[in-house]
Amino acid sequence: MPALTLIIPTHNERENLEPLLTRLRDVAPALGVALDVLIADSGSSDGTVEAAEALLSKVLPAHPKLR
């Protein structure tokens, strides 16, 4: 199976992470690829890193192709 790695740069994107990751989880099966998601933060002050860490257990494990 082909692989696709998405690198998502963030800076103060806390409110946008859950909708984005949920959408990626929902469309991943149609892509037919092993999907890896990397979130790269550049010093956010709004809790982006903490939100990303919390979403690991809430959104990402729900789909086996997302890590």
PDB file of N, CA and C in Angstrom:
ATOM      1  N   MET A   1       0.855  -1.178   0.000  1.00  0.00           N
ATOM      2  CA  MET A   1       0.000   0.000   0.000  1.00  0.00           C
ATOM      3  C   MET A   1       0.901   1.241   0.000  1.00  0.00           C
ATOM      4  N   PRO A   2       0.630   2.206  -0.863  1.00  0.00           N
ATOM      5  CA  PRO A   2       1.407   3.444  -0.860  1.00  0.00           C
ATOM      6  C   PRO A   2       1.212   4.205   0.453  1.00  0.00           C
ATOM      7  N   ALA A   3       2.195   5.009   0.774  1.00  0.00           N
ATOM      8  CA  ALA A   3       2.127   5.800   2.009  1.00  0.00           C
ATOM      9  C   ALA A   3       2.081   7.290   1.676  1.00  0.00           C
ATOM     10  N   LEU A   4       1.389   8.023   2.507  1.00  0.00           N
ATOM     11  CA  LEU A   4       1.306   9.478   2.380  1.00  0.00           C
ATOM     12  C   LEU A   4       1.538  10.078   3.750  1.00  0.00           C
ATOM     13  N   THR A   5       2.513  10.970   3.844  1.00  0.00           N
ATOM     14  CA  THR A   5       2.770  11.672   5.092  1.00  0.00           C
ATOM     15  C   THR A   5       2.348  13.116   4.923  1.00  0.00           C
ATOM     16  N   LEU A   6       1.462  13.565   5.783  1.00  0.00           N
ATOM     17  CA  LEU A   6       1.025  14.960   5.787  1.00  0.00           C
ATOM     18  C   LEU A   6       1.748  15.677   6.912  1.00  0.00           C
ATOM     19  N   ILE A   7       2.431  16.746   6.579  1.00  0.00           N
ATOM     20  CA  ILE A   7       3.081  17.582   7.577  1.00  0.00           C
ATOM     21  C   ILE A   7       2.235  18.841   7.696  1.00  0.00           C
ATOM     22  N   ILE A   8       1.687  19.038   8.875  1.00  0.00           N
ATOM     23  CA  ILE A   8       0.775  20.162   9.094  1.00  0.00           C
ATOM     24  C   ILE A   8       1.478  21.185   9.979  1.00  0.00           C
ATOM     25  N   PRO A   9       1.920  22.297   9.386  1.00  0.00           N
ATOM     26  CA  PRO A   9       2.539  23.348  10.202  1.00  0.00           C
ATOM     27  C   PRO A   9       1.459  24.097  10.977  1.00  0.00           C
ATOM     28  N   THR A  10       1.729  24.377  12.241  1.00  0.00           N
ATOM     29  CA  THR A  10       0.745  25.084  13.052  1.00  0.00           C
ATOM     30  C   THR A  10       1.389  26.228  13.823  1.00  0.00           C
ATOM     31  N   HIS A  11       0.610  27.237  14.033  1.00  0.00           N
ATOM     32  CA  HIS A  11       0.954  28.337  14.943  1.00  0.00           C
ATOM     33  C   HIS A  11      -0.368  28.927  15.421  1.00  0.00           C
ATOM     34  N   ASN A  12      -0.666  28.705  16.690  1.00  0.00           N
ATOM     35  CA  ASN A  12      -1.933  29.156  17.278  1.00  0.00           C
ATOM     36  C   ASN A  12      -3.138  28.633  16.500  1.00  0.00           C
ATOM     37  N   GLU A  13      -3.166  27.328  16.294  1.00  0.00           N
ATOM     38  CA  GLU A  13      -4.241  26.677  15.530  1.00  0.00           C
ATOM     39  C   GLU A  13      -5.085  25.744  16.391  1.00  0.00           C
ATOM     40  N   ARG A  14      -5.108  25.971  17.666  1.00  0.00           N
ATOM     41  CA  ARG A  14      -5.813  25.075  18.580  1.00  0.00           C
ATOM     42  C   ARG A  14      -7.250  24.790  18.135  1.00  0.00           C
ATOM     43  N   GLU A  15      -7.984  25.810  17.799  1.00  0.00           N
ATOM     44  CA  GLU A  15      -9.399  25.644  17.440  1.00  0.00           C
ATOM     45  C   GLU A  15      -9.596  24.925  16.111  1.00  0.00           C
ATOM     46  N   ASN A  16      -8.571  24.892  15.275  1.00  0.00           N
ATOM     47  CA  ASN A  16      -8.707  24.279  13.949  1.00  0.00           C
ATOM     48  C   ASN A  16      -8.260  22.824  13.893  1.00  0.00           C
ATOM     49  N   LEU A  17      -7.539  22.369  14.896  1.00  0.00           N
ATOM     50  CA  LEU A  17      -6.985  21.020  14.841  1.00  0.00           C
ATOM     51  C   LEU A  17      -8.036  19.921  14.831  1.00  0.00           C
ATOM     52  N   GLU A  18      -8.994  19.988  15.729  1.00  0.00           N
ATOM     53  CA  GLU A  18      -9.977  18.902  15.790  1.00  0.00           C
ATOM     54  C   GLU A  18     -10.784  18.784  14.502  1.00  0.00           C
ATOM     55  N   PRO A  19     -11.309  19.885  13.948  1.00  0.00           N
ATOM     56  CA  PRO A  19     -12.036  19.732  12.677  1.00  0.00           C
ATOM     57  C   PRO A  19     -11.146  19.194  11.555  1.00  0.00           C
ATOM     58  N   LEU A  20      -9.904  19.636  11.502  1.00  0.00           N
ATOM     59  CA  LEU A  20      -8.991  19.167  10.462  1.00  0.00           C
ATOM     60  C   LEU A  20      -8.690  17.680  10.616  1.00  0.00           C
ATOM     61  N   LEU A  21      -8.324  17.261  11.813  1.00  0.00           N
ATOM     62  CA  LEU A  21      -7.980  15.859  12.020  1.00  0.00           C
ATOM     63  C   LEU A  21      -9.184  14.944  11.872  1.00  0.00           C
ATOM     64  N   THR A  22     -10.332  15.416  12.274  1.00  0.00           N
ATOM     65  CA  THR A  22     -11.555  14.630  12.090  1.00  0.00           C
ATOM     66  C   THR A  22     -11.834  14.438  10.607  1.00  0.00           C
ATOM     67  N   ARG A  23     -11.677  15.489   9.840  1.00  0.00           N
ATOM     68  CA  ARG A  23     -11.905  15.398   8.386  1.00  0.00           C
ATOM     69  C   ARG A  23     -10.895  14.459   7.732  1.00  0.00           C
ATOM     70  N   LEU A  24      -9.638  14.553   8.144  1.00  0.00           N
ATOM     71  CA  LEU A  24      -8.629  13.643   7.604  1.00  0.00           C
ATOM     72  C   LEU A  24      -8.978  12.196   7.916  1.00  0.00           C
ATOM     73  N   ARG A  25      -9.397  11.940   9.142  1.00  0.00           N
ATOM     74  CA  ARG A  25      -9.800  10.589   9.530  1.00  0.00           C
ATOM     75  C   ARG A  25     -10.952  10.098   8.658  1.00  0.00           C
ATOM     76  N   ASP A  26     -11.880  10.988   8.364  1.00  0.00           N
ATOM     77  CA  ASP A  26     -13.063  10.599   7.600  1.00  0.00           C
ATOM     78  C   ASP A  26     -12.768  10.337   6.127  1.00  0.00           C
ATOM     79  N   VAL A  27     -11.802  11.040   5.551  1.00  0.00           N
ATOM     80  CA  VAL A  27     -11.509  10.860   4.120  1.00  0.00           C
ATOM     81  C   VAL A  27     -10.383   9.867   3.859  1.00  0.00           C
ATOM     82  N   ALA A  28      -9.639   9.499   4.884  1.00  0.00           N
ATOM     83  CA  ALA A  28      -8.492   8.610   4.702  1.00  0.00           C
ATOM     84  C   ALA A  28      -8.835   7.302   3.984  1.00  0.00           C
ATOM     85  N   PRO A  29      -9.947   6.654   4.298  1.00  0.00           N
ATOM     86  CA  PRO A  29     -10.234   5.390   3.609  1.00  0.00           C
ATOM     87  C   PRO A  29     -10.350   5.537   2.092  1.00  0.00           C
ATOM     88  N   ALA A  30     -10.857   6.651   1.622  1.00  0.00           N
ATOM     89  CA  ALA A  30     -11.021   6.859   0.189  1.00  0.00           C
ATOM     90  C   ALA A  30      -9.689   7.104  -0.519  1.00  0.00           C
ATOM     91  N   LEU A  31      -8.665   7.492   0.229  1.00  0.00           N
ATOM     92  CA  LEU A  31      -7.370   7.769  -0.382  1.00  0.00           C
ATOM     93  C   LEU A  31      -6.623   6.491  -0.764  1.00  0.00           C
ATOM     94  N   GLY A  32      -6.896   5.403  -0.063  1.00  0.00           N
ATOM     95  CA  GLY A  32      -6.237   4.146  -0.361  1.00  0.00           C
ATOM     96  C   GLY A  32      -4.745   4.156  -0.077  1.00  0.00           C
ATOM     97  N   VAL A  33      -4.332   4.930   0.913  1.00  0.00           N
ATOM     98  CA  VAL A  33      -2.919   5.014   1.281  1.00  0.00           C
ATOM     99  C   VAL A  33      -2.784   4.850   2.790  1.00  0.00           C
ATOM    100  N   ALA A  34      -1.590   4.442   3.213  1.00  0.00           N
ATOM    101  CA  ALA A  34      -1.272   4.467   4.635  1.00  0.00           C
ATOM    102  C   ALA A  34      -0.964   5.927   4.957  1.00  0.00           C
ATOM    103  N   LEU A  35      -1.722   6.496   5.843  1.00  0.00           N
ATOM    104  CA  LEU A  35      -1.627   7.933   6.115  1.00  0.00           C
ATOM    105  C   LEU A  35      -0.951   8.191   7.448  1.00  0.00           C
ATOM    106  N   ASP A  36       0.103   9.005   7.408  1.00  0.00           N
ATOM    107  CA  ASP A  36       0.779   9.479   8.613  1.00  0.00           C
ATOM    108  C   ASP A  36       0.545  10.971   8.712  1.00  0.00           C
ATOM    109  N   VAL A  37       0.287  11.446   9.910  1.00  0.00           N
ATOM    110  CA  VAL A  37       0.066  12.872  10.131  1.00  0.00           C
ATOM    111  C   VAL A  37       1.099  13.377  11.130  1.00  0.00           C
ATOM    112  N   LEU A  38       1.855  14.376  10.713  1.00  0.00           N
ATOM    113  CA  LEU A  38       2.830  15.025  11.580  1.00  0.00           C
ATOM    114  C   LEU A  38       2.357  16.448  11.820  1.00  0.00           C
ATOM    115  N   ILE A  39       2.246  16.833  13.063  1.00  0.00           N
ATOM    116  CA  ILE A  39       1.871  18.207  13.401  1.00  0.00           C
ATOM    117  C   ILE A  39       3.123  18.908  13.900  1.00  0.00           C
ATOM    118  N   ALA A  40       3.536  19.940  13.173  1.00  0.00           N
ATOM    119  CA  ALA A  40       4.735  20.698  13.524  1.00  0.00           C
ATOM    120  C   ALA A  40       4.304  22.061  14.056  1.00  0.00           C
ATOM    121  N   ASP A  41       4.631  22.326  15.305  1.00  0.00           N
ATOM    122  CA  ASP A  41       4.223  23.582  15.926  1.00  0.00           C
ATOM    123  C   ASP A  41       5.408  24.540  15.999  1.00  0.00           C
ATOM    124  N   SER A  42       5.115  25.817  15.817  1.00  0.00           N
ATOM    125  CA  SER A  42       6.182  26.825  15.835  1.00  0.00           C
ATOM    126  C   SER A  42       6.011  27.797  16.993  1.00  0.00           C
ATOM    127  N   GLY A  43       5.872  27.256  18.189  1.00  0.00           N
ATOM    128  CA  GLY A  43       5.825  28.111  19.380  1.00  0.00           C
ATOM    129  C   GLY A  43       4.472  28.727  19.662  1.00  0.00           C
ATOM    130  N   SER A  44       3.413  27.997  19.426  1.00  0.00           N
ATOM    131  CA  SER A  44       2.071  28.513  19.687  1.00  0.00           C
ATOM    132  C   SER A  44       1.896  28.879  21.158  1.00  0.00           C
ATOM    133  N   SER A  45       1.102  29.908  21.384  1.00  0.00           N
ATOM    134  CA  SER A  45       0.817  30.341  22.756  1.00  0.00           C
ATOM    135  C   SER A  45      -0.633  30.090  23.146  1.00  0.00           C
ATOM    136  N   ASP A  46      -1.390  29.416  22.279  1.00  0.00           N
ATOM    137  CA  ASP A  46      -2.816  29.202  22.539  1.00  0.00           C
ATOM    138  C   ASP A  46      -3.152  27.781  22.974  1.00  0.00           C
ATOM    139  N   GLY A  47      -2.137  26.959  23.236  1.00  0.00           N
ATOM    140  CA  GLY A  47      -2.405  25.589  23.648  1.00  0.00           C
ATOM    141  C   GLY A  47      -2.498  24.610  22.493  1.00  0.00           C
ATOM    142  N   THR A  48      -1.956  24.972  21.342  1.00  0.00           N
ATOM    143  CA  THR A  48      -2.004  24.083  20.184  1.00  0.00           C
ATOM    144  C   THR A  48      -1.346  22.741  20.483  1.00  0.00           C
ATOM    145  N   VAL A  49      -0.187  22.761  21.109  1.00  0.00           N
ATOM    146  CA  VAL A  49       0.525  21.515  21.399  1.00  0.00           C
ATOM    147  C   VAL A  49      -0.289  20.637  22.327  1.00  0.00           C
ATOM    148  N   GLU A  50      -0.836  21.217  23.378  1.00  0.00           N
ATOM    149  CA  GLU A  50      -1.649  20.446  24.326  1.00  0.00           C
ATOM    150  C   GLU A  50      -2.899  19.884  23.648  1.00  0.00           C
ATOM    151  N   ALA A  51      -3.502  20.676  22.769  1.00  0.00           N
ATOM    152  CA  ALA A  51      -4.684  20.203  22.045  1.00  0.00           C
ATOM    153  C   ALA A  51      -4.317  19.040  21.133  1.00  0.00           C
ATOM    154  N   ALA A  52      -3.187  19.142  20.449  1.00  0.00           N
ATOM    155  CA  ALA A  52      -2.748  18.059  19.556  1.00  0.00           C
ATOM    156  C   ALA A  52      -2.520  16.786  20.358  1.00  0.00           C
ATOM    157  N   GLU A  53      -1.885  16.905  21.509  1.00  0.00           N
ATOM    158  CA  GLU A  53      -1.652  15.731  22.347  1.00  0.00           C
ATOM    159  C   GLU A  53      -2.960  15.122  22.823  1.00  0.00           C
ATOM    160  N   ALA A  54      -3.919  15.939  23.200  1.00  0.00           N
ATOM    161  CA  ALA A  54      -5.218  15.437  23.653  1.00  0.00           C
ATOM    162  C   ALA A  54      -5.981  14.754  22.521  1.00  0.00           C
ATOM    163  N   LEU A  55      -5.825  15.257  21.307  1.00  0.00           N
ATOM    164  CA  LEU A  55      -6.531  14.692  20.164  1.00  0.00           C
ATOM    165  C   LEU A  55      -5.999  13.322  19.773  1.00  0.00           C
ATOM    166  N   LEU A  56      -4.791  13.005  20.179  1.00  0.00           N
ATOM    167  CA  LEU A  56      -4.245  11.686  19.864  1.00  0.00           C
ATOM    168  C   LEU A  56      -5.170  10.588  20.374  1.00  0.00           C
ATOM    169  N   SER A  57      -5.702  10.767  21.562  1.00  0.00           N
ATOM    170  CA  SER A  57      -6.580   9.733  22.112  1.00  0.00           C
ATOM    171  C   SER A  57      -8.031   9.906  21.676  1.00  0.00           C
ATOM    172  N   LYS A  58      -8.388  11.094  21.270  1.00  0.00           N
ATOM    173  CA  LYS A  58      -9.786  11.357  20.922  1.00  0.00           C
ATOM    174  C   LYS A  58     -10.087  11.108  19.443  1.00  0.00           C
ATOM    175  N   VAL A  59      -9.226  11.571  18.558  1.00  0.00           N
ATOM    176  CA  VAL A  59      -9.516  11.512  17.128  1.00  0.00           C
ATOM    177  C   VAL A  59      -8.631  10.514  16.389  1.00  0.00           C
ATOM    178  N   LEU A  60      -7.340  10.573  16.576  1.00  0.00           N
ATOM    179  CA  LEU A  60      -6.431   9.802  15.745  1.00  0.00           C
ATOM    180  C   LEU A  60      -6.558   8.292  15.873  1.00  0.00           C
ATOM    181  N   PRO A  61      -6.677   7.715  17.061  1.00  0.00           N
ATOM    182  CA  PRO A  61      -6.773   6.255  17.120  1.00  0.00           C
ATOM    183  C   PRO A  61      -8.067   5.693  16.526  1.00  0.00           C
ATOM    184  N   ALA A  62      -9.021   6.546  16.243  1.00  0.00           N
ATOM    185  CA  ALA A  62     -10.301   6.072  15.695  1.00  0.00           C
ATOM    186  C   ALA A  62     -10.154   5.509  14.293  1.00  0.00           C
ATOM    187  N   HIS A  63      -9.043   5.779  13.629  1.00  0.00           N
ATOM    188  CA  HIS A  63      -8.817   5.267  12.288  1.00  0.00           C
ATOM    189  C   HIS A  63      -7.447   4.616  12.243  1.00  0.00           C
ATOM    190  N   PRO A  64      -7.371   3.360  11.828  1.00  0.00           N
ATOM    191  CA  PRO A  64      -6.092   2.644  11.890  1.00  0.00           C
ATOM    192  C   PRO A  64      -5.007   3.213  10.994  1.00  0.00           C
ATOM    193  N   LYS A  65      -5.353   4.034  10.025  1.00  0.00           N
ATOM    194  CA  LYS A  65      -4.327   4.586   9.140  1.00  0.00           C
ATOM    195  C   LYS A  65      -3.747   5.895   9.652  1.00  0.00           C
ATOM    196  N   LEU A  66      -4.241   6.409  10.730  1.00  0.00           N
ATOM    197  CA  LEU A  66      -3.727   7.659  11.284  1.00  0.00           C
ATOM    198  C   LEU A  66      -2.929   7.366  12.541  1.00  0.00           C
ATOM    199  N   ARG A  67      -1.764   8.004  12.650  1.00  0.00           N
ATOM    200  CA  ARG A  67      -0.951   7.855  13.848  1.00  0.00           C
ATOM    201  C   ARG A  67      -0.594   9.225  14.359  1.00  0.00           C
TER     202      ARG A  67
END
